[in-house]
């Protein structure tokens, strides 16, 4: 799809729309978190967050459930870092986002016995603590309205954006191996 606009009489600017053509003209581009599958990105990001001193599992993380729809606590040893990585990705994708909306994203169907299942939100304490730790690490920050009086939610900072993009760029070969059609982009 092409669009041509005439500027003056002698100069014509052609803008080419399309991911493959646009990137081929720009040369080698940095891979973003939009370009790789979420499972590969979150696994690598969790490893990077475990090396950060500001992100630590709270003492209650060993025995807490992640929502009322769960029967048992998580069995993974590093589930806190995986959750923080998923929260950082969600903030980048959907920000500005708050604790309540974040807990709804990590919810699921509650088994109510013989009655039909209903959707319930995940733990707000887990979501709030993960957001607080990511904010103290400098990966996310608060977003305010134009007057500066109302908090709209959390948004990713340039530091968090670069962490996400570096992680996405490092898992790009694995993503292309799993999904060969990604090599076109």
C-alpha atoms as a PDB file:
ATOM      1  CA  UNK A   1       0.000   0.000   0.000  1.00  0.00           C
ATOM      2  CA  UNK A   2       1.570   3.277  -1.063  1.00  0.00           C
ATOM      3  CA  UNK A   3       0.603   6.868  -0.553  1.00  0.00           C
ATOM      4  CA  UNK A   4       2.121   9.708  -2.549  1.00  0.00           C
ATOM      5  CA  UNK A   5       1.895  13.328  -1.592  1.00  0.00           C
ATOM      6  CA  UNK A   6       3.048  16.142  -3.807  1.00  0.00           C
ATOM      7  CA  UNK A   7       5.099  18.813  -2.055  1.00  0.00           C
ATOM      8  CA  UNK A   8       5.480  21.765  -4.380  1.00  0.00           C
ATOM      9  CA  UNK A   9       5.818  20.904  -8.050  1.00  0.00           C
ATOM     10  CA  UNK A  10       9.072  18.999  -8.205  1.00  0.00           C
ATOM     11  CA  UNK A  11       9.254  17.010  -4.977  1.00  0.00           C
ATOM     12  CA  UNK A  12       7.212  13.839  -4.363  1.00  0.00           C
ATOM     13  CA  UNK A  13       7.345  11.934  -1.067  1.00  0.00           C
ATOM     14  CA  UNK A  14       6.403   8.267  -1.092  1.00  0.00           C
ATOM     15  CA  UNK A  15       5.463   6.589   2.180  1.00  0.00           C
ATOM     16  CA  UNK A  16       5.377   2.810   2.077  1.00  0.00           C
ATOM     17  CA  UNK A  17       3.134   1.127   4.610  1.00  0.00           C
ATOM     18  CA  UNK A  18       3.916  -2.387   5.688  1.00  0.00           C
ATOM     19  CA  UNK A  19       6.140  -3.955   8.287  1.00  0.00           C
ATOM     20  CA  UNK A  20       8.442  -5.924   6.021  1.00  0.00           C
ATOM     21  CA  UNK A  21       9.071  -3.147   3.514  1.00  0.00           C
ATOM     22  CA  UNK A  22       9.484  -0.492   6.203  1.00  0.00           C
ATOM     23  CA  UNK A  23      12.002  -2.525   8.178  1.00  0.00           C
ATOM     24  CA  UNK A  24      13.911  -3.510   5.042  1.00  0.00           C
ATOM     25  CA  UNK A  25      14.373   0.174   4.277  1.00  0.00           C
ATOM     26  CA  UNK A  26      15.499   0.991   7.809  1.00  0.00           C
ATOM     27  CA  UNK A  27      18.065  -1.780   8.094  1.00  0.00           C
ATOM     28  CA  UNK A  28      18.497  -3.855  11.261  1.00  0.00           C
ATOM     29  CA  UNK A  29      15.953  -2.863  13.905  1.00  0.00           C
ATOM     30  CA  UNK A  30      15.785  -3.567  17.590  1.00  0.00           C
ATOM     31  CA  UNK A  31      13.326  -6.253  18.574  1.00  0.00           C
ATOM     32  CA  UNK A  32      10.577  -5.065  20.913  1.00  0.00           C
ATOM     33  CA  UNK A  33       8.420  -6.980  23.351  1.00  0.00           C
ATOM     34  CA  UNK A  34       5.619  -6.946  20.767  1.00  0.00           C
ATOM     35  CA  UNK A  35       7.693  -9.059  18.374  1.00  0.00           C
ATOM     36  CA  UNK A  36       8.301 -12.191  20.483  1.00  0.00           C
ATOM     37  CA  UNK A  37       5.977 -14.706  22.168  1.00  0.00           C
ATOM     38  CA  UNK A  38       5.052 -13.922  25.754  1.00  0.00           C
ATOM     39  CA  UNK A  39       6.268 -17.204  27.250  1.00  0.00           C
ATOM     40  CA  UNK A  40       9.822 -16.758  25.954  1.00  0.00           C
ATOM     41  CA  UNK A  41       9.912 -13.105  26.966  1.00  0.00           C
ATOM     42  CA  UNK A  42       8.567 -13.687  30.473  1.00  0.00           C
ATOM     43  CA  UNK A  43      10.986 -16.546  31.167  1.00  0.00           C
ATOM     44  CA  UNK A  44      14.004 -14.439  30.174  1.00  0.00           C
ATOM     45  CA  UNK A  45      12.668 -11.371  31.951  1.00  0.00           C
ATOM     46  CA  UNK A  46      12.114 -13.361  35.159  1.00  0.00           C
ATOM     47  CA  UNK A  47      15.754 -14.435  35.060  1.00  0.00           C
ATOM     48  CA  UNK A  48      16.852 -10.814  34.666  1.00  0.00           C
ATOM     49  CA  UNK A  49      14.562  -9.644  37.481  1.00  0.00           C
ATOM     50  CA  UNK A  50      15.905 -12.315  39.838  1.00  0.00           C
ATOM     51  CA  UNK A  51      19.333 -10.671  39.506  1.00  0.00           C
ATOM     52  CA  UNK A  52      17.879  -7.293  40.558  1.00  0.00           C
ATOM     53  CA  UNK A  53      18.226  -6.458  44.264  1.00  0.00           C
ATOM     54  CA  UNK A  54      14.942  -4.497  44.410  1.00  0.00           C
ATOM     55  CA  UNK A  55      12.812  -7.475  43.353  1.00  0.00           C
ATOM     56  CA  UNK A  56      12.535 -10.031  46.151  1.00  0.00           C
ATOM     57  CA  UNK A  57       9.832 -12.522  47.056  1.00  0.00           C
ATOM     58  CA  UNK A  58       8.061 -11.480  50.280  1.00  0.00           C
ATOM     59  CA  UNK A  59       8.153 -13.854  53.245  1.00  0.00           C
ATOM     60  CA  UNK A  60       4.479 -14.717  52.717  1.00  0.00           C
ATOM     61  CA  UNK A  61       5.093 -15.784  49.097  1.00  0.00           C
ATOM     62  CA  UNK A  62       5.773 -19.407  50.109  1.00  0.00           C
ATOM     63  CA  UNK A  63       2.259 -20.110  51.346  1.00  0.00           C
ATOM     64  CA  UNK A  64      -0.045 -17.548  49.718  1.00  0.00           C
ATOM     65  CA  UNK A  65      -2.541 -18.402  46.987  1.00  0.00           C
ATOM     66  CA  UNK A  66      -2.602 -16.151  43.927  1.00  0.00           C
ATOM     67  CA  UNK A  67      -6.386 -15.754  44.083  1.00  0.00           C
ATOM     68  CA  UNK A  68      -9.609 -17.159  45.459  1.00  0.00           C
ATOM     69  CA  UNK A  69      -9.988 -19.266  42.333  1.00  0.00           C
ATOM     70  CA  UNK A  70      -6.895 -21.318  43.260  1.00  0.00           C
ATOM     71  CA  UNK A  71      -6.842 -24.283  45.616  1.00  0.00           C
ATOM     72  CA  UNK A  72      -3.121 -24.309  46.441  1.00  0.00           C
ATOM     73  CA  UNK A  73      -0.136 -21.936  46.391  1.00  0.00           C
ATOM     74  CA  UNK A  74       2.157 -21.979  43.346  1.00  0.00           C
ATOM     75  CA  UNK A  75       4.579 -24.899  43.202  1.00  0.00           C
ATOM     76  CA  UNK A  76       7.350 -23.128  41.268  1.00  0.00           C
ATOM     77  CA  UNK A  77      10.241 -21.847  43.346  1.00  0.00           C
ATOM     78  CA  UNK A  78      10.649 -18.694  41.218  1.00  0.00           C
ATOM     79  CA  UNK A  79       6.951 -17.891  40.760  1.00  0.00           C
ATOM     80  CA  UNK A  80       7.374 -14.404  42.239  1.00  0.00           C
ATOM     81  CA  UNK A  81       9.888 -13.380  39.576  1.00  0.00           C
ATOM     82  CA  UNK A  82       7.733 -14.885  36.838  1.00  0.00           C
ATOM     83  CA  UNK A  83       4.721 -12.915  38.133  1.00  0.00           C
ATOM     84  CA  UNK A  84       6.735  -9.686  38.327  1.00  0.00           C
ATOM     85  CA  UNK A  85       7.954 -10.241  34.753  1.00  0.00           C
ATOM     86  CA  UNK A  86       4.383 -10.825  33.584  1.00  0.00           C
ATOM     87  CA  UNK A  87       3.213  -7.707  35.446  1.00  0.00           C
ATOM     88  CA  UNK A  88       5.951  -5.610  33.821  1.00  0.00           C
ATOM     89  CA  UNK A  89       4.914  -6.874  30.381  1.00  0.00           C
ATOM     90  CA  UNK A  90       1.245  -6.148  31.136  1.00  0.00           C
ATOM     91  CA  UNK A  91       2.056  -2.610  32.285  1.00  0.00           C
ATOM     92  CA  UNK A  92       3.989  -2.029  29.070  1.00  0.00           C
ATOM     93  CA  UNK A  93       1.182  -3.433  26.925  1.00  0.00           C
ATOM     94  CA  UNK A  94      -1.859  -1.962  28.684  1.00  0.00           C
ATOM     95  CA  UNK A  95      -0.549   0.979  30.761  1.00  0.00           C
ATOM     96  CA  UNK A  96      -1.640   3.122  32.468  1.00  0.00           C
ATOM     97  CA  UNK A  97      -3.009   0.321  34.612  1.00  0.00           C
ATOM     98  CA  UNK A  98      -3.786   0.029  38.307  1.00  0.00           C
ATOM     99  CA  UNK A  99      -3.781  -2.688  40.933  1.00  0.00           C
ATOM    100  CA  UNK A 100      -7.434  -3.630  40.549  1.00  0.00           C
ATOM    101  CA  UNK A 101      -7.246  -4.052  36.771  1.00  0.00           C
ATOM    102  CA  UNK A 102      -3.983  -5.968  37.123  1.00  0.00           C
ATOM    103  CA  UNK A 103      -5.565  -8.398  39.594  1.00  0.00           C
ATOM    104  CA  UNK A 104      -8.473  -8.914  37.193  1.00  0.00           C
ATOM    105  CA  UNK A 105      -6.033  -9.856  34.424  1.00  0.00           C
ATOM    106  CA  UNK A 106      -4.537 -12.552  36.658  1.00  0.00           C
ATOM    107  CA  UNK A 107      -7.920 -13.919  37.767  1.00  0.00           C
ATOM    108  CA  UNK A 108      -9.765 -16.980  36.587  1.00  0.00           C
ATOM    109  CA  UNK A 109     -12.888 -19.123  36.978  1.00  0.00           C
ATOM    110  CA  UNK A 110     -13.909 -19.899  40.558  1.00  0.00           C
ATOM    111  CA  UNK A 111     -15.260 -23.390  41.166  1.00  0.00           C
ATOM    112  CA  UNK A 112     -18.514 -22.901  43.061  1.00  0.00           C
ATOM    113  CA  UNK A 113     -19.468 -26.530  43.404  1.00  0.00           C
ATOM    114  CA  UNK A 114     -22.628 -27.527  41.523  1.00  0.00           C
ATOM    115  CA  UNK A 115     -23.280 -23.918  40.534  1.00  0.00           C
ATOM    116  CA  UNK A 116     -21.753 -22.533  37.322  1.00  0.00           C
ATOM    117  CA  UNK A 117     -18.253 -21.079  37.507  1.00  0.00           C
ATOM    118  CA  UNK A 118     -17.835 -17.335  37.737  1.00  0.00           C
ATOM    119  CA  UNK A 119     -14.882 -15.147  36.920  1.00  0.00           C
ATOM    120  CA  UNK A 120     -13.051 -13.747  39.937  1.00  0.00           C
ATOM    121  CA  UNK A 121     -10.061 -11.460  40.225  1.00  0.00           C
ATOM    122  CA  UNK A 122      -6.652 -12.604  41.378  1.00  0.00           C
ATOM    123  CA  UNK A 123      -4.986 -11.479  44.574  1.00  0.00           C
ATOM    124  CA  UNK A 124      -4.758  -7.698  44.842  1.00  0.00           C
ATOM    125  CA  UNK A 125      -2.004  -8.020  47.458  1.00  0.00           C
ATOM    126  CA  UNK A 126       0.187  -9.939  44.998  1.00  0.00           C
ATOM    127  CA  UNK A 127      -0.517  -7.413  42.234  1.00  0.00           C
ATOM    128  CA  UNK A 128       0.043  -4.403  44.499  1.00  0.00           C
ATOM    129  CA  UNK A 129       3.301  -5.749  45.944  1.00  0.00           C
ATOM    130  CA  UNK A 130       4.641  -6.642  42.490  1.00  0.00           C
ATOM    131  CA  UNK A 131       3.800  -3.151  41.217  1.00  0.00           C
ATOM    132  CA  UNK A 132       5.454  -1.573  44.273  1.00  0.00           C
ATOM    133  CA  UNK A 133       8.635  -3.588  43.818  1.00  0.00           C
ATOM    134  CA  UNK A 134       8.806  -2.780  40.096  1.00  0.00           C
ATOM    135  CA  UNK A 135       8.305   0.901  40.925  1.00  0.00           C
ATOM    136  CA  UNK A 136      11.055   0.847  43.559  1.00  0.00           C
ATOM    137  CA  UNK A 137      13.370  -0.788  40.994  1.00  0.00           C
ATOM    138  CA  UNK A 138      12.627   2.080  38.581  1.00  0.00           C
ATOM    139  CA  UNK A 139      10.940   0.005  35.882  1.00  0.00           C
ATOM    140  CA  UNK A 140       7.472   1.584  36.222  1.00  0.00           C
ATOM    141  CA  UNK A 141       6.137   4.893  37.500  1.00  0.00           C
ATOM    142  CA  UNK A 142       2.827   6.603  38.227  1.00  0.00           C
ATOM    143  CA  UNK A 143       0.921   8.378  35.472  1.00  0.00           C
ATOM    144  CA  UNK A 144      -1.116  11.447  36.424  1.00  0.00           C
ATOM    145  CA  UNK A 145      -3.802  13.486  34.701  1.00  0.00           C
ATOM    146  CA  UNK A 146      -2.901  16.845  33.165  1.00  0.00           C
ATOM    147  CA  UNK A 147      -3.602  18.718  36.388  1.00  0.00           C
ATOM    148  CA  UNK A 148      -1.461  16.289  38.350  1.00  0.00           C
ATOM    149  CA  UNK A 149      -4.193  15.540  40.877  1.00  0.00           C
ATOM    150  CA  UNK A 150      -5.416  12.066  39.865  1.00  0.00           C
ATOM    151  CA  UNK A 151      -3.258   8.954  39.454  1.00  0.00           C
ATOM    152  CA  UNK A 152      -4.252   7.179  36.233  1.00  0.00           C
ATOM    153  CA  UNK A 153      -2.156   4.083  36.895  1.00  0.00           C
ATOM    154  CA  UNK A 154       1.313   2.730  36.307  1.00  0.00           C
ATOM    155  CA  UNK A 155       3.272   3.143  33.076  1.00  0.00           C
ATOM    156  CA  UNK A 156       6.644   1.758  32.055  1.00  0.00           C
ATOM    157  CA  UNK A 157       9.715   3.995  32.385  1.00  0.00           C
ATOM    158  CA  UNK A 158      12.517   4.209  29.807  1.00  0.00           C
ATOM    159  CA  UNK A 159      14.581   1.884  32.024  1.00  0.00           C
ATOM    160  CA  UNK A 160      11.781  -0.685  32.033  1.00  0.00           C
ATOM    161  CA  UNK A 161      11.284  -0.257  28.298  1.00  0.00           C
ATOM    162  CA  UNK A 162      14.968  -0.913  27.617  1.00  0.00           C
ATOM    163  CA  UNK A 163      14.901  -3.979  29.892  1.00  0.00           C
ATOM    164  CA  UNK A 164      11.909  -5.357  27.996  1.00  0.00           C
ATOM    165  CA  UNK A 165      13.482  -4.646  24.609  1.00  0.00           C
ATOM    166  CA  UNK A 166      16.861  -6.140  25.566  1.00  0.00           C
ATOM    167  CA  UNK A 167      15.125  -9.265  26.812  1.00  0.00           C
ATOM    168  CA  UNK A 168      13.042  -9.485  23.633  1.00  0.00           C
ATOM    169  CA  UNK A 169      16.139  -9.057  21.488  1.00  0.00           C
ATOM    170  CA  UNK A 170      17.940 -11.844  23.358  1.00  0.00           C
ATOM    171  CA  UNK A 171      15.090 -14.358  22.894  1.00  0.00           C
ATOM    172  CA  UNK A 172      14.543 -13.446  19.238  1.00  0.00           C
ATOM    173  CA  UNK A 173      16.590 -16.401  17.863  1.00  0.00           C
ATOM    174  CA  UNK A 174      14.587 -18.861  19.986  1.00  0.00           C
ATOM    175  CA  UNK A 175      11.361 -17.289  18.757  1.00  0.00           C
ATOM    176  CA  UNK A 176      12.462 -17.557  15.121  1.00  0.00           C
ATOM    177  CA  UNK A 177      13.451 -21.184  15.676  1.00  0.00           C
ATOM    178  CA  UNK A 178      10.031 -21.994  17.119  1.00  0.00           C
ATOM    179  CA  UNK A 179       8.086 -19.819  14.652  1.00  0.00           C
ATOM    180  CA  UNK A 180      10.042 -19.542  11.358  1.00  0.00           C
ATOM    181  CA  UNK A 181       7.579 -16.992   9.963  1.00  0.00           C
ATOM    182  CA  UNK A 182       8.955 -14.406  12.423  1.00  0.00           C
ATOM    183  CA  UNK A 183      12.156 -14.187  10.375  1.00  0.00           C
ATOM    184  CA  UNK A 184      10.326 -12.022   7.828  1.00  0.00           C
ATOM    185  CA  UNK A 185       9.892  -9.211  10.343  1.00  0.00           C
END
